Structures are given as C-alpha cells and as structure tokens.
Amino acid sequence: MGLFQWLGKLLDDLIGWLGRAVAAFLEAFVWALDKIWETAIATVLLAAFGSVVVLYAIFYSGAVLGQTIMEIWDPRYSDSKPSQVFQVKQAPQSSPLPKYRSEAKVIALENAV
C-alpha cells in the first residue's frame, strides 16, 4: 500500500469515526433537550417572546464538562429584547460544539413554541 493510499484510508477512517462521534453527540444532545423542552424551555420562550414563527439560536460548549449553552432570541427585537440563555447539563461530555460564543453558528428555529 502506497503512502497516498494509506493516507486516503486514514482520512476515510477518521471521517467515519468523527462522523459517528458527532452523530452520537447530536443524538444524545437532542434527547437531553427533548426531556426539558416543554417544561423548562418552551414556557420561558413563550413568556419572553410570545408565539412567534422564527427564533434564532446558537449552541456552544459550557465551561463545565458535559454542559451545552443554548441562547435563543427573537430576530425582530434583537436590539431591544434580551436573549434567553439555557444550560443543558445532560449533554455528552465530549462536545464538537465551539467553546466560544463568538464561534457559534446562528440557527433558525421555526415554530419552536
């Protein structure tokens, strides 16, 4: 096996492994979020923003191992209404999410509440 073939196989193996790791993280995170969504998150969002069609969210790793921060805001009032910040503590300990808020990607949540 030549060097390039070996590197290609290594790359394929790493992609397969990282893909499974990310998929496992997302599955566990969504499951943890689902457990608290109706009782701890949706009620706060309804009180803060009312029944809106689209909210924006960012997700990033917390300072504590296994903690994920979720920040949600109404894009129509981003200058006048503060965002709502939640800590999801049942998330997996190894997180592929960014460590810094500034590195998080903005995601649109449609019909979340």
C-alpha atoms as a PDB file:
ATOM      1  CA  MET A   1       0.000   0.000   0.000  1.00  0.00           C
ATOM      2  CA  GLY A   2       1.481   3.345  -1.034  1.00  0.00           C
ATOM      3  CA  LEU A   3       1.665   6.396   1.180  1.00  0.00           C
ATOM      4  CA  PHE A   4      -1.188   8.164  -0.588  1.00  0.00           C
ATOM      5  CA  GLN A   5      -3.404   5.095  -0.378  1.00  0.00           C
ATOM      6  CA  TRP A   6      -2.626   4.800   3.335  1.00  0.00           C
ATOM      7  CA  LEU A   7      -3.328   8.494   3.939  1.00  0.00           C
ATOM      8  CA  GLY A   8      -6.567   8.185   1.986  1.00  0.00           C
ATOM      9  CA  LYS A   9      -7.637   5.197   4.094  1.00  0.00           C
ATOM     10  CA  LEU A  10      -6.652   7.036   7.264  1.00  0.00           C
ATOM     11  CA  LEU A  11      -8.686  10.056   6.169  1.00  0.00           C
ATOM     12  CA  ASP A  12     -11.671   7.842   5.382  1.00  0.00           C
ATOM     13  CA  ASP A  13     -11.356   6.133   8.773  1.00  0.00           C
ATOM     14  CA  LEU A  14     -11.101   9.474  10.600  1.00  0.00           C
ATOM     15  CA  ILE A  15     -14.114  10.870   8.760  1.00  0.00           C
ATOM     16  CA  GLY A  16     -16.071   7.725   9.583  1.00  0.00           C
ATOM     17  CA  TRP A  17     -15.063   7.930  13.239  1.00  0.00           C
ATOM     18  CA  LEU A  18     -15.664  11.682  13.607  1.00  0.00           C
ATOM     19  CA  GLY A  19     -18.957  11.389  11.774  1.00  0.00           C
ATOM     20  CA  ARG A  20     -20.135   8.714  14.206  1.00  0.00           C
ATOM     21  CA  ALA A  21     -18.879  10.743  17.176  1.00  0.00           C
ATOM     22  CA  VAL A  22     -20.726  13.848  16.012  1.00  0.00           C
ATOM     23  CA  ALA A  23     -23.856  11.838  15.244  1.00  0.00           C
ATOM     24  CA  ALA A  24     -23.722  10.240  18.707  1.00  0.00           C
ATOM     25  CA  PHE A  25     -23.295  13.655  20.347  1.00  0.00           C
ATOM     26  CA  LEU A  26     -26.202  15.169  18.423  1.00  0.00           C
ATOM     27  CA  GLU A  27     -28.489  12.245  19.195  1.00  0.00           C
ATOM     28  CA  ALA A  28     -27.698  12.436  22.929  1.00  0.00           C
ATOM     29  CA  PHE A  29     -27.997  16.229  22.950  1.00  0.00           C
ATOM     30  CA  VAL A  30     -31.366  16.253  21.181  1.00  0.00           C
ATOM     31  CA  TRP A  31     -32.620  13.569  23.577  1.00  0.00           C
ATOM     32  CA  ALA A  32     -31.488  15.666  26.597  1.00  0.00           C
ATOM     33  CA  LEU A  33     -33.079  18.776  25.089  1.00  0.00           C
ATOM     34  CA  ASP A  34     -36.328  16.932  24.391  1.00  0.00           C
ATOM     35  CA  LYS A  35     -36.606  15.929  28.056  1.00  0.00           C
ATOM     36  CA  ILE A  36     -36.637  19.563  29.222  1.00  0.00           C
ATOM     37  CA  TRP A  37     -38.083  21.427  26.223  1.00  0.00           C
ATOM     38  CA  GLU A  38     -41.772  21.649  27.225  1.00  0.00           C
ATOM     39  CA  THR A  39     -41.264  22.272  30.936  1.00  0.00           C
ATOM     40  CA  ALA A  40     -38.112  24.372  31.152  1.00  0.00           C
ATOM     41  CA  ILE A  41     -37.604  25.995  27.761  1.00  0.00           C
ATOM     42  CA  ALA A  42     -40.832  26.440  25.769  1.00  0.00           C
ATOM     43  CA  THR A  43     -42.632  28.081  28.694  1.00  0.00           C
ATOM     44  CA  VAL A  44     -39.808  30.613  29.137  1.00  0.00           C
ATOM     45  CA  LEU A  45     -39.709  31.350  25.408  1.00  0.00           C
ATOM     46  CA  LEU A  46     -43.465  31.865  25.277  1.00  0.00           C
ATOM     47  CA  ALA A  47     -43.322  34.275  28.203  1.00  0.00           C
ATOM     48  CA  ALA A  48     -40.347  36.168  26.734  1.00  0.00           C
ATOM     49  CA  PHE A  49     -41.270  36.288  23.053  1.00  0.00           C
ATOM     50  CA  GLY A  50     -44.888  35.166  22.716  1.00  0.00           C
ATOM     51  CA  SER A  51     -45.956  32.838  19.956  1.00  0.00           C
ATOM     52  CA  VAL A  52     -43.577  33.640  17.095  1.00  0.00           C
ATOM     53  CA  VAL A  53     -42.797  31.772  13.917  1.00  0.00           C
ATOM     54  CA  VAL A  54     -38.992  32.074  13.908  1.00  0.00           C
ATOM     55  CA  LEU A  55     -36.464  32.392  16.705  1.00  0.00           C
ATOM     56  CA  TYR A  56     -32.689  32.342  16.340  1.00  0.00           C
ATOM     57  CA  ALA A  57     -30.433  30.117  18.423  1.00  0.00           C
ATOM     58  CA  ILE A  58     -26.775  29.424  18.978  1.00  0.00           C
ATOM     59  CA  PHE A  59     -25.224  26.430  20.726  1.00  0.00           C
ATOM     60  CA  TYR A  60     -21.766  26.248  22.280  1.00  0.00           C
ATOM     61  CA  SER A  61     -19.908  24.270  24.934  1.00  0.00           C
ATOM     62  CA  GLY A  62     -20.171  25.401  28.511  1.00  0.00           C
ATOM     63  CA  ALA A  63     -17.269  25.805  30.923  1.00  0.00           C
ATOM     64  CA  VAL A  64     -18.305  22.617  32.757  1.00  0.00           C
ATOM     65  CA  LEU A  65     -17.733  19.241  31.118  1.00  0.00           C
ATOM     66  CA  GLY A  66     -20.975  17.924  29.607  1.00  0.00           C
ATOM     67  CA  GLN A  67     -22.660  21.336  29.602  1.00  0.00           C
ATOM     68  CA  THR A  68     -24.038  22.910  26.442  1.00  0.00           C
ATOM     69  CA  ILE A  69     -25.232  26.503  26.322  1.00  0.00           C
ATOM     70  CA  MET A  70     -28.249  27.343  24.185  1.00  0.00           C
ATOM     71  CA  GLU A  71     -29.032  31.001  23.581  1.00  0.00           C
ATOM     72  CA  ILE A  72     -32.312  31.942  21.859  1.00  0.00           C
ATOM     73  CA  TRP A  73     -33.609  35.324  20.713  1.00  0.00           C
ATOM     74  CA  ASP A  74     -36.266  36.922  18.523  1.00  0.00           C
ATOM     75  CA  PRO A  75     -34.513  38.384  15.461  1.00  0.00           C
ATOM     76  CA  ARG A  76     -37.142  41.115  15.139  1.00  0.00           C
ATOM     77  CA  TYR A  77     -36.200  42.557  18.535  1.00  0.00           C
ATOM     78  CA  SER A  78     -32.521  41.669  18.855  1.00  0.00           C
ATOM     79  CA  ASP A  79     -31.674  45.252  19.866  1.00  0.00           C
ATOM     80  CA  SER A  80     -34.450  45.717  22.415  1.00  0.00           C
ATOM     81  CA  LYS A  81     -35.169  42.285  23.962  1.00  0.00           C
ATOM     82  CA  PRO A  82     -32.510  40.200  25.663  1.00  0.00           C
ATOM     83  CA  SER A  83     -31.873  36.646  24.602  1.00  0.00           C
ATOM     84  CA  GLN A  84     -32.867  33.689  26.758  1.00  0.00           C
ATOM     85  CA  VAL A  85     -29.947  31.502  27.822  1.00  0.00           C
ATOM     86  CA  PHE A  86     -30.324  27.862  28.866  1.00  0.00           C
ATOM     87  CA  GLN A  87     -27.796  25.340  30.151  1.00  0.00           C
ATOM     88  CA  VAL A  88     -28.314  21.768  29.023  1.00  0.00           C
ATOM     89  CA  LYS A  89     -26.362  19.709  31.538  1.00  0.00           C
ATOM     90  CA  GLN A  90     -27.228  16.202  30.347  1.00  0.00           C
ATOM     91  CA  ALA A  91     -25.332  16.673  27.093  1.00  0.00           C
ATOM     92  CA  PRO A  92     -22.468  14.300  26.279  1.00  0.00           C
ATOM     93  CA  GLN A  93     -19.124  15.215  27.799  1.00  0.00           C
ATOM     94  CA  SER A  94     -17.191  15.277  24.540  1.00  0.00           C
ATOM     95  CA  SER A  95     -18.715  18.090  22.524  1.00  0.00           C
ATOM     96  CA  PRO A  96     -17.920  19.037  18.927  1.00  0.00           C
ATOM     97  CA  LEU A  97     -19.546  22.435  19.547  1.00  0.00           C
ATOM     98  CA  PRO A  98     -17.405  25.585  19.666  1.00  0.00           C
ATOM     99  CA  LYS A  99     -16.092  26.687  23.042  1.00  0.00           C
ATOM    100  CA  TYR A 100     -16.711  30.379  22.440  1.00  0.00           C
ATOM    101  CA  ARG A 101     -20.000  32.141  21.825  1.00  0.00           C
ATOM    102  CA  SER A 102     -18.473  34.187  19.006  1.00  0.00           C
ATOM    103  CA  GLU A 103     -17.699  30.981  17.078  1.00  0.00           C
ATOM    104  CA  ALA A 104     -21.246  29.597  17.229  1.00  0.00           C
ATOM    105  CA  LYS A 105     -23.367  29.377  14.099  1.00  0.00           C
ATOM    106  CA  VAL A 106     -26.791  31.048  14.162  1.00  0.00           C
ATOM    107  CA  ILE A 107     -29.599  28.581  13.533  1.00  0.00           C
ATOM    108  CA  ALA A 108     -33.225  29.465  12.782  1.00  0.00           C
ATOM    109  CA  LEU A 109     -35.796  27.615  14.909  1.00  0.00           C
ATOM    110  CA  GLU A 110     -39.124  27.587  13.103  1.00  0.00           C
ATOM    111  CA  ASN A 111     -42.341  27.058  15.062  1.00  0.00           C
ATOM    112  CA  ALA A 112     -40.360  26.199  18.194  1.00  0.00           C
ATOM    113  CA  VAL A 113     -43.034  27.431  20.608  1.00  0.00           C
END
